[in-house]
Protein backbone atom coordinates (compact mmCIF):
# COMPACT_ATOMS: atom_id res chain seq x y z
CA MET A 1 3.35 -21.50 2.35
CA GLU A 2 4.05 -17.78 2.72
CA PHE A 3 4.10 -17.42 -1.07
CA VAL A 4 0.77 -19.26 -1.42
CA ILE A 5 -0.94 -17.03 1.17
CA ARG A 6 0.41 -13.81 -0.33
CA ILE A 7 -0.30 -14.72 -3.95
CA SER A 8 -3.82 -15.86 -3.00
CA GLN A 9 -4.58 -12.53 -1.34
CA PHE A 10 -2.99 -10.63 -4.22
CA LEU A 11 -4.96 -12.44 -6.94
CA LEU A 12 -8.25 -12.34 -5.01
CA SER A 13 -7.94 -8.61 -4.37
CA LEU A 14 -6.85 -7.84 -7.94
CA SER A 15 -9.64 -9.97 -9.46
CA LEU A 16 -12.29 -8.40 -7.24
CA LEU A 17 -11.17 -4.87 -8.11
CA ILE A 18 -10.97 -5.54 -11.85
CA VAL A 19 -14.39 -7.22 -12.05
CA LEU A 20 -16.12 -4.48 -10.04
CA HIS A 21 -14.36 -1.72 -12.00
CA GLU A 22 -15.49 -3.21 -15.31
CA LEU A 23 -19.01 -3.71 -13.92
CA GLY A 24 -19.00 0.03 -13.34
CA HIS A 25 -18.73 0.47 -17.12
CA PHE A 26 -20.88 -2.53 -18.04
CA ILE A 27 -24.02 -1.66 -16.06
CA PRO A 28 -24.58 1.93 -17.33
CA ALA A 29 -23.67 0.82 -20.86
CA LYS A 30 -26.44 -1.79 -20.75
CA LEU A 31 -28.86 0.65 -19.11
CA PHE A 32 -28.30 3.14 -21.93
CA GLY A 33 -28.71 0.46 -24.58
CA ALA A 34 -25.07 0.23 -25.68
CA ARG A 35 -23.96 -3.22 -26.78
CA VAL A 36 -21.14 -4.78 -24.72
CA GLU A 37 -19.27 -7.27 -26.89
CA LYS A 38 -16.80 -8.55 -24.28
CA PHE A 39 -16.42 -8.60 -20.48
CA TYR A 40 -13.05 -9.99 -19.46
CA LEU A 41 -11.08 -10.54 -16.28
CA PHE A 42 -7.43 -10.27 -17.41
CA PHE A 43 -6.46 -9.85 -21.06
CA ASP A 44 -7.18 -12.52 -23.67
CA LEU A 45 -4.27 -11.72 -25.99
CA LYS A 46 -4.52 -14.34 -28.79
CA PHE A 47 -6.55 -16.73 -26.59
CA SER A 48 -8.60 -16.94 -23.40
CA LEU A 49 -8.60 -19.48 -20.57
CA LEU A 50 -12.40 -19.52 -20.26
CA LYS A 51 -15.17 -17.89 -22.27
CA LYS A 52 -18.92 -18.13 -22.71
CA LYS A 53 -21.24 -16.00 -24.81
CA ILE A 54 -24.51 -14.93 -23.23
CA GLY A 55 -26.68 -12.75 -25.44
CA ASP A 56 -24.51 -10.15 -27.18
CA THR A 57 -21.68 -10.38 -24.63
CA GLU A 58 -18.78 -12.80 -24.41
CA TYR A 59 -17.71 -13.29 -20.79
CA GLY A 60 -14.25 -14.71 -20.16
CA ILE A 61 -10.99 -14.97 -18.27
CA GLY A 62 -7.79 -14.11 -20.11
CA TRP A 63 -4.33 -15.47 -19.42
CA LEU A 64 -2.49 -12.14 -19.03
CA PRO A 65 -3.15 -10.74 -15.52
CA LEU A 66 -2.49 -7.08 -16.32
CA GLY A 67 -6.05 -5.89 -15.78
CA GLY A 68 -9.38 -6.48 -17.49
CA TYR A 69 -11.75 -4.78 -19.89
CA VAL A 70 -15.21 -4.41 -21.37
CA LYS A 71 -15.41 -3.89 -25.13
CA ILE A 72 -18.32 -1.60 -25.96
CA SER A 73 -19.47 -1.43 -29.58
CA GLY A 74 -18.64 1.78 -31.41
CA MET A 75 -15.99 2.95 -28.99
CA MET A 76 -12.38 3.76 -29.87
CA ASP A 77 -10.52 1.89 -27.16
CA GLU A 78 -7.42 -0.26 -26.69
CA SER A 79 -8.83 -2.83 -29.14
CA MET A 80 -8.25 -0.25 -31.95
CA ASP A 81 -11.17 -1.72 -33.94
CA LYS A 82 -10.80 0.52 -37.02
CA GLU A 83 -13.13 -1.56 -39.21
CA GLN A 84 -16.12 -1.10 -36.93
CA MET A 85 -15.39 2.61 -36.51
CA ALA A 86 -15.26 3.06 -40.30
CA LEU A 87 -18.89 1.90 -40.67
CA PRO A 88 -21.89 4.21 -40.16
CA PRO A 89 -22.89 4.50 -36.46
CA LYS A 90 -25.58 2.10 -35.21
CA SER A 91 -28.16 3.00 -32.58
CA TRP A 92 -26.69 0.44 -30.14
CA GLU A 93 -23.15 1.79 -30.41
CA PHE A 94 -21.37 3.87 -27.79
CA ARG A 95 -20.67 6.69 -30.26
CA SER A 96 -24.41 7.05 -31.00
CA LYS A 97 -25.28 7.84 -27.38
CA PRO A 98 -25.55 11.40 -26.05
CA ALA A 99 -22.32 12.77 -24.58
CA TRP A 100 -23.72 12.81 -21.03
CA GLN A 101 -24.54 9.09 -21.23
CA ARG A 102 -21.07 8.30 -22.57
CA LEU A 103 -19.58 10.34 -19.74
CA ILE A 104 -21.51 8.32 -17.14
CA ILE A 105 -20.39 5.06 -18.77
CA MET A 106 -16.74 6.14 -18.71
CA LEU A 107 -16.90 7.37 -15.10
CA GLY A 108 -18.68 4.21 -13.94
CA GLY A 109 -15.50 2.23 -13.26
CA VAL A 110 -13.76 4.77 -11.03
CA THR A 111 -17.07 5.56 -9.30
CA VAL A 112 -17.36 1.90 -8.30
CA ASN A 113 -13.72 1.92 -7.11
CA PHE A 114 -14.35 4.89 -4.83
CA ILE A 115 -17.67 3.56 -3.52
CA LEU A 116 -16.09 0.17 -2.83
CA ALA A 117 -13.20 1.73 -0.89
CA TYR A 118 -15.59 3.85 1.18
CA VAL A 119 -17.86 0.89 1.98
CA ILE A 120 -14.86 -1.21 3.02
CA TYR A 121 -13.61 1.53 5.36
CA VAL A 122 -17.07 1.81 6.93
CA PHE A 123 -17.26 -1.92 7.64
CA LEU A 124 -13.65 -2.07 8.85
CA ALA A 125 -14.44 0.69 11.34
CA PHE A 126 -17.61 -1.10 12.42
CA GLY A 127 -16.08 -4.58 12.58
CA TYR A 128 -12.60 -3.89 13.92
CA GLY A 129 -12.55 -0.34 15.25
CA ASP A 130 -9.21 1.45 15.46
CA THR A 131 -6.02 0.57 17.34
CA ASP A 132 -3.23 3.10 17.61
CA ILE A 133 -0.48 4.27 19.95
CA SER A 134 -0.31 7.71 21.51
CA ALA A 135 2.87 9.45 20.35
CA LYS A 136 3.17 11.18 23.73
CA SER A 137 3.62 7.80 25.40
CA VAL A 138 6.79 7.11 23.37
CA LYS A 139 8.99 8.32 26.21
CA ASP A 140 12.31 6.89 25.01
CA GLY A 141 12.06 7.86 21.36
CA TYR A 142 12.03 5.72 18.23
CA THR A 143 14.33 3.22 16.55
CA VAL A 144 16.23 4.97 13.75
CA THR A 145 18.42 2.70 11.63
CA ASN A 146 17.95 3.96 8.06
CA PRO A 147 21.27 5.53 6.90
CA ILE A 148 19.36 8.28 5.09
CA LEU A 149 17.88 9.38 8.43
CA THR A 150 21.05 8.88 10.47
CA ASN A 151 23.02 10.96 7.93
CA LEU A 152 20.62 13.80 8.69
CA GLY A 153 21.66 13.63 12.35
CA LEU A 154 18.82 11.46 13.64
CA LYS A 155 19.46 8.49 15.93
CA THR A 156 17.69 5.83 17.97
CA GLY A 157 16.14 7.43 21.04
CA ASP A 158 15.14 10.67 19.30
CA LYS A 159 11.54 11.75 19.84
CA LEU A 160 9.61 13.04 16.85
CA VAL A 161 7.74 16.13 18.02
CA SER A 162 6.23 17.50 14.80
CA ILE A 163 6.27 17.16 11.01
CA ASN A 164 6.01 20.39 9.00
CA GLY A 165 5.13 22.14 12.26
CA GLU A 166 2.15 19.85 12.92
CA GLU A 167 2.31 17.90 16.19
CA VAL A 168 2.51 14.13 15.88
CA LEU A 169 -0.38 12.79 17.98
CA MET A 170 -0.51 9.14 16.95
CA VAL A 171 2.27 6.80 15.83
CA SER A 172 0.32 5.82 12.70
CA ASP A 173 0.42 9.46 11.56
CA ILE A 174 4.18 9.38 11.06
CA ARG A 175 4.33 7.30 7.88
CA LYS A 176 1.43 9.22 6.32
CA LYS A 177 2.92 12.63 7.07
CA LEU A 178 6.47 11.77 6.01
CA ILE A 179 5.26 11.50 2.41
CA GLU A 180 4.91 15.29 2.24
CA ALA A 181 7.43 16.16 4.97
CA GLU A 182 9.87 19.01 4.49
CA LYS A 183 10.89 19.70 8.07
CA LEU A 184 11.03 17.57 11.23
CA THR A 185 11.19 18.77 14.81
CA VAL A 186 12.84 16.24 17.11
CA LEU A 187 13.86 16.07 20.75
CA SER A 188 17.34 14.60 20.92
CA ASP A 189 19.24 14.33 24.22
CA ASN A 190 16.77 16.83 25.74
CA GLU A 191 17.56 19.33 22.98
CA THR A 192 15.04 20.41 20.34
CA LYS A 193 16.39 20.22 16.80
CA GLU A 194 14.99 21.21 13.41
CA ILE A 195 15.83 18.79 10.59
CA THR A 196 15.30 20.03 7.02
CA LEU A 197 14.75 17.14 4.63
CA PRO A 198 16.33 17.21 1.16
CA GLU A 199 13.95 17.69 -1.77
CA ASP A 200 14.68 14.19 -3.03
CA PHE A 201 14.09 12.59 0.39
CA LEU A 202 11.43 10.19 -0.95
CA GLY A 203 13.65 9.27 -3.86
CA GLN A 204 16.51 8.46 -1.49
CA LEU A 205 14.23 6.30 0.65
CA SER A 206 12.92 4.52 -2.44
CA THR A 207 16.35 3.58 -3.74
CA GLY A 208 18.02 2.90 -0.40
CA ASP A 209 18.56 -0.55 1.08
CA SER A 210 16.27 0.23 4.02
CA ARG A 211 12.66 1.41 3.86
CA SER A 212 12.35 1.93 7.63
CA PHE A 213 11.30 5.27 9.09
CA PHE A 214 10.79 5.80 12.81
CA GLY A 215 10.13 2.40 14.39
CA LEU A 216 8.70 1.61 17.79
CA ARG A 217 11.27 0.34 20.25
CA TYR A 218 10.31 -3.22 21.20
CA PRO A 219 11.49 -5.40 24.06
CA PHE A 220 13.69 -8.32 22.98
CA VAL A 221 11.06 -10.97 22.27
CA VAL A 222 12.32 -14.38 21.15
CA GLU A 223 10.97 -15.41 17.75
CA TYR A 224 13.17 -18.47 17.34
CA VAL A 225 16.68 -19.75 18.09
CA ILE A 226 18.87 -20.39 15.05
CA ASP A 227 19.66 -24.07 15.49
CA THR A 228 23.17 -23.85 14.05
CA LEU A 229 24.36 -21.06 16.36
CA ALA A 230 25.35 -20.44 19.95
CA ASN A 231 22.17 -21.21 21.90
CA LYS A 232 20.89 -24.31 20.15
CA GLY A 233 19.15 -26.56 22.69
CA LYS A 234 18.58 -23.84 25.28
CA ASN A 235 15.19 -23.79 26.98
CA LEU A 236 13.96 -20.79 25.02
CA LYS A 237 10.42 -20.49 23.67
CA THR A 238 8.76 -18.19 21.17
CA GLY A 239 7.39 -15.22 23.10
CA ASP A 240 10.06 -15.27 25.82
CA ILE A 241 11.26 -11.77 26.68
CA ILE A 242 14.83 -11.01 27.74
CA VAL A 243 14.38 -8.40 30.50
CA SER A 244 17.88 -8.18 31.99
CA ILE A 245 21.55 -8.81 31.17
CA ASN A 246 23.86 -9.51 34.11
CA ASN A 247 21.21 -8.24 36.53
CA GLU A 248 20.89 -4.92 34.70
CA PRO A 249 17.45 -4.22 33.16
CA LEU A 250 17.16 -4.53 29.37
CA LYS A 251 14.22 -2.52 28.11
CA TYR A 252 14.67 -2.47 24.33
CA SER A 253 16.00 -4.97 21.81
CA ASP A 254 18.16 -2.31 20.15
CA GLU A 255 20.25 -2.16 23.36
CA LEU A 256 21.07 -5.88 23.44
CA GLU A 257 23.99 -5.98 20.99
CA ASP A 258 26.11 -3.45 22.88
CA ARG A 259 25.27 -5.14 26.19
CA VAL A 260 26.39 -8.66 25.19
CA LYS A 261 29.40 -7.75 23.02
CA PRO A 262 31.80 -7.57 26.00
CA PHE A 263 30.97 -11.25 26.69
CA SER A 264 31.99 -12.50 23.22
CA GLY A 265 33.01 -16.17 23.38
CA ALA A 266 31.63 -16.57 26.91
CA GLU A 267 28.36 -16.94 28.81
CA VAL A 268 26.09 -14.17 30.01
CA SER A 269 23.41 -14.25 32.72
CA VAL A 270 19.95 -13.18 31.59
CA ASP A 271 16.45 -13.03 33.03
CA ILE A 272 13.63 -14.34 30.85
CA LEU A 273 10.03 -13.23 31.31
CA ARG A 274 7.65 -16.09 30.44
CA ASP A 275 3.93 -16.18 31.28
CA GLY A 276 4.43 -13.59 34.01
CA GLN A 277 7.30 -15.53 35.63
CA THR A 278 10.97 -14.49 35.64
CA ILE A 279 13.36 -17.33 34.75
CA PRO A 280 17.15 -16.94 35.20
CA MET A 281 19.23 -18.48 32.42
CA GLN A 282 22.78 -18.64 31.05
CA LEU A 283 23.13 -17.90 27.34
CA ASN A 284 26.17 -18.31 25.11
CA VAL A 285 27.61 -15.34 23.24
CA ASP A 286 29.52 -16.30 20.08
CA THR A 287 32.88 -14.82 19.10
CA ASN A 288 31.09 -12.13 17.05
CA GLY A 289 29.13 -10.95 20.08
CA LYS A 290 25.84 -12.54 18.93
CA LEU A 291 23.31 -14.76 20.67
CA GLY A 292 21.98 -16.38 17.50
CA ILE A 293 18.38 -15.55 18.49
CA MET A 294 15.93 -13.98 16.07
CA PRO A 295 13.85 -11.25 17.73
CA GLY A 296 10.14 -10.84 17.07
CA GLY A 297 7.37 -9.20 19.01
CA THR A 298 3.85 -7.93 18.49
CA LEU A 299 1.61 -5.20 19.80
CA ASN A 300 0.43 -7.68 22.44
CA ASP A 301 3.97 -7.97 23.82
CA ILE A 302 4.20 -4.20 24.11
CA GLU A 303 0.80 -4.07 25.77
CA LYS A 304 1.70 -6.73 28.36
CA LEU A 305 4.74 -4.71 29.44
CA GLN A 306 2.79 -1.42 29.33
CA TYR A 307 5.46 0.32 27.28
CA TYR A 308 3.04 2.60 25.42
CA ASP A 309 -0.51 3.88 25.69
CA ILE A 310 -2.46 1.77 23.23
CA VAL A 311 -5.65 3.54 22.16
CA ARG A 312 -8.55 1.34 21.05
CA LYS A 313 -11.80 2.72 19.67
CA GLU A 314 -15.00 0.91 18.77
CA TYR A 315 -17.70 2.46 16.59
CA GLY A 316 -21.39 1.96 16.11
CA LEU A 317 -22.76 1.79 12.57
CA GLY A 318 -23.62 5.50 12.50
CA GLU A 319 -20.14 6.48 13.73
CA SER A 320 -18.57 4.06 11.25
CA ILE A 321 -20.20 5.89 8.35
CA VAL A 322 -18.45 9.11 9.42
CA VAL A 323 -15.14 7.42 10.32
CA GLY A 324 -15.17 5.50 7.04
CA PHE A 325 -15.67 8.73 5.10
CA ASP A 326 -12.78 10.39 6.94
CA LYS A 327 -10.50 7.43 6.20
CA PHE A 328 -11.59 7.39 2.55
CA THR A 329 -11.04 11.12 1.95
CA GLY A 330 -7.77 11.03 3.89
CA GLN A 331 -6.47 8.17 1.77
CA VAL A 332 -7.54 9.86 -1.50
CA SER A 333 -5.82 13.07 -0.40
CA SER A 334 -2.68 11.19 0.63
CA TYR A 335 -2.51 9.32 -2.66
CA GLY A 336 -3.02 12.60 -4.53
CA VAL A 337 0.01 14.03 -2.73
CA GLN A 338 2.03 10.93 -3.64
CA LEU A 339 1.10 11.30 -7.31
CA LYS A 340 2.12 14.95 -7.26
CA LYS A 341 5.50 13.93 -5.81
CA ILE A 342 5.87 11.14 -8.38
CA PHE A 343 5.26 13.51 -11.29
CA THR A 344 7.73 16.05 -9.85
CA PRO A 345 11.10 14.68 -11.03
CA SER A 346 13.17 16.67 -8.52
CA THR A 347 11.64 14.72 -5.59
CA GLY A 348 12.89 11.41 -6.97
CA ALA A 349 9.65 9.81 -5.77
CA TYR A 350 9.14 8.16 -9.16
CA LYS A 351 12.00 5.80 -8.26
CA GLY A 352 9.78 4.20 -5.64
CA VAL A 353 6.88 3.42 -7.98
CA GLY A 354 6.45 -0.36 -7.91
CA GLY A 355 4.65 -2.88 -10.06
CA PHE A 356 3.02 -6.21 -9.38
CA LYS A 357 5.86 -7.46 -7.18
CA ALA A 358 5.54 -4.39 -4.95
CA ILE A 359 1.76 -4.85 -4.65
CA TYR A 360 2.21 -8.56 -3.90
CA SER A 361 4.75 -7.78 -1.17
CA ILE A 362 2.42 -5.49 0.82
CA PHE A 363 0.08 -8.39 1.61
CA PRO A 364 0.92 -10.11 4.92
CA ALA A 365 2.51 -13.55 5.10
CA GLU A 366 -0.35 -14.76 7.31
CA TRP A 367 -3.96 -14.54 6.20
CA SER A 368 -5.72 -11.59 7.81
CA TRP A 369 -9.14 -10.48 6.61
CA GLN A 370 -8.66 -7.10 8.26
CA ALA A 371 -5.39 -6.51 6.42
CA PHE A 372 -6.82 -7.95 3.19
CA TRP A 373 -9.79 -5.58 3.13
CA ALA A 374 -7.73 -2.55 4.22
CA LEU A 375 -5.24 -3.19 1.39
CA THR A 376 -8.07 -3.84 -1.09
CA ALA A 377 -9.63 -0.47 -0.16
CA PHE A 378 -6.28 1.26 -0.69
CA LEU A 379 -5.72 -0.48 -4.04
CA SER A 380 -9.26 0.40 -5.10
CA ILE A 381 -8.50 4.08 -4.48
CA MET A 382 -5.19 3.73 -6.30
CA LEU A 383 -6.91 2.10 -9.29
CA GLY A 384 -9.60 4.79 -9.33
CA VAL A 385 -7.19 7.71 -9.13
CA LEU A 386 -4.81 6.27 -11.74
CA ASN A 387 -7.70 5.63 -14.13
CA LEU A 388 -8.66 9.30 -13.87
CA LEU A 389 -5.30 10.43 -15.22
CA PRO A 390 -5.93 12.26 -18.55
CA ILE A 391 -4.08 9.66 -20.61
CA PRO A 392 -5.78 8.26 -23.73
CA VAL A 393 -6.68 4.57 -23.21
CA LEU A 394 -7.41 5.24 -19.53
CA ASP A 395 -10.89 6.35 -18.40
CA GLY A 396 -9.52 9.82 -17.68
CA GLY A 397 -8.45 10.19 -21.32
CA HIS A 398 -11.94 9.31 -22.58
CA VAL A 399 -13.46 11.70 -20.03
CA MET A 400 -11.14 14.48 -21.20
CA PHE A 401 -12.26 14.09 -24.82
CA LEU A 402 -15.93 13.87 -23.80
CA LEU A 403 -15.68 17.05 -21.77
CA TYR A 404 -14.09 18.75 -24.77
CA GLU A 405 -17.01 17.56 -26.91
CA MET A 406 -19.61 18.76 -24.37
CA ILE A 407 -17.99 22.19 -24.09
CA SER A 408 -17.14 22.77 -27.76
CA GLY A 409 -20.21 21.04 -29.18
CA LYS A 410 -18.21 18.84 -31.54
CA ALA A 411 -16.44 15.51 -31.13
CA PRO A 412 -12.69 15.18 -31.74
CA ASN A 413 -11.74 13.82 -35.15
CA GLU A 414 -11.76 10.00 -35.21
CA LYS A 415 -8.32 9.91 -36.80
CA PHE A 416 -7.05 12.06 -33.96
CA LEU A 417 -8.68 9.74 -31.41
CA GLU A 418 -7.08 6.74 -33.08
CA ARG A 419 -3.63 8.30 -32.88
CA ALA A 420 -4.22 9.50 -29.32
CA GLN A 421 -5.20 5.95 -28.29
CA LEU A 422 -1.99 4.61 -29.82
CA VAL A 423 0.14 7.23 -28.02
CA GLY A 424 -1.73 6.58 -24.78
CA PHE A 425 -1.27 2.84 -25.11
CA ILE A 426 2.49 3.23 -25.66
CA LEU A 427 2.72 5.62 -22.70
CA LEU A 428 0.74 3.24 -20.48
CA ILE A 429 2.93 0.26 -21.42
CA ALA A 430 6.04 2.37 -20.71
CA MET A 431 4.67 3.29 -17.26
CA VAL A 432 3.81 -0.33 -16.45
CA LEU A 433 7.23 -1.55 -17.60
CA SER A 434 9.00 1.20 -15.65
CA ALA A 435 7.08 0.37 -12.45
CA ASN A 436 7.81 -3.34 -12.77
CA ILE A 437 11.49 -2.73 -13.55
CA ASN A 438 11.68 -0.67 -10.35
CA ASP A 439 10.62 -3.80 -8.48
CA TRP A 440 13.86 -5.52 -9.39
CA ILE A 441 16.46 -2.77 -9.15
């Protein structure tokens, strides 16, 4: 069921983004009188799943879900239609239109991507508001388990004071700021320490077994009991919270292992918090010092125990317009920084570039419209920014040649454009293959 929910969200988001991106090209092309021969969701290599011709345009769904396209007459694109380009230009062809009109047509797709992302952020702010946790309320530090972080001298219980000298105000800021982090200031055992991150920090994180950063310390909330292990049949329920071991308070789940290990092969007394009531119970500890209980926990569990200051904000429509713009520009800026890191080999960030499997995996296992739209907004920005890269075949490549034409007053040679498209296509395929290979290594 988890696969069905994730793949449904993935395909719905991808389809929506592709169709709207291509509409961004289609609409101005039609407005300027350019003929659109094809409008396709996914690629119809050799054959299509569905197609119908309406007027001059064939609308269809291809079988290869690597994107989509509109084929505009008289345009050197990935179709490499040399025969059409060899004929004299027609009035309804792309190449016959003024350069400024062609520029608008080529920028239409990314413009729609950016507008869509902004509109989504506005309505997310209006419909859901914001929920965050004040970093100052994290009194007992964070969970640190990633070997890359522990090898730098960090450990569970350390408090993150600042990143690159900028104070951490909200917990959600940590992941965003770590992308461009060079120096961390932490409070460890009441001592302030400066941690300098290696240049290839992102690369190490990308290729390591763990992708965790600084996690919130949760109470030990029961998710489920493994029915083949020590505590099968015990009166434990999902949502129960273990609050003490042998009459000594247990605040965080990361403390449990060390506390029960001395009782390996025996029983241990615990107190369970359930629906506001404390229930004493005896639990079995196996010979490996484990309870055989899978921990879980949500923000609601933290809130009930008042571990952290949870900050909730609601916005009116006017405020949402401003908040949405801030989120949009912040995300564009953040993604720009990521791209800069990716194209700087010494950072190793390129190792973390994922393909379709990575995109699929970021969707939650349970359907959430809030998460779906937030991820769709992010992917829309990603699609827009990537399409602006000055690579022939991509929109940015066409824009680059058009700007050259507008500045110099003459169009690039068609033979040159043909070769550039071929090089761009090979480069694009190499990038896609590399990203998808990264998913599996």
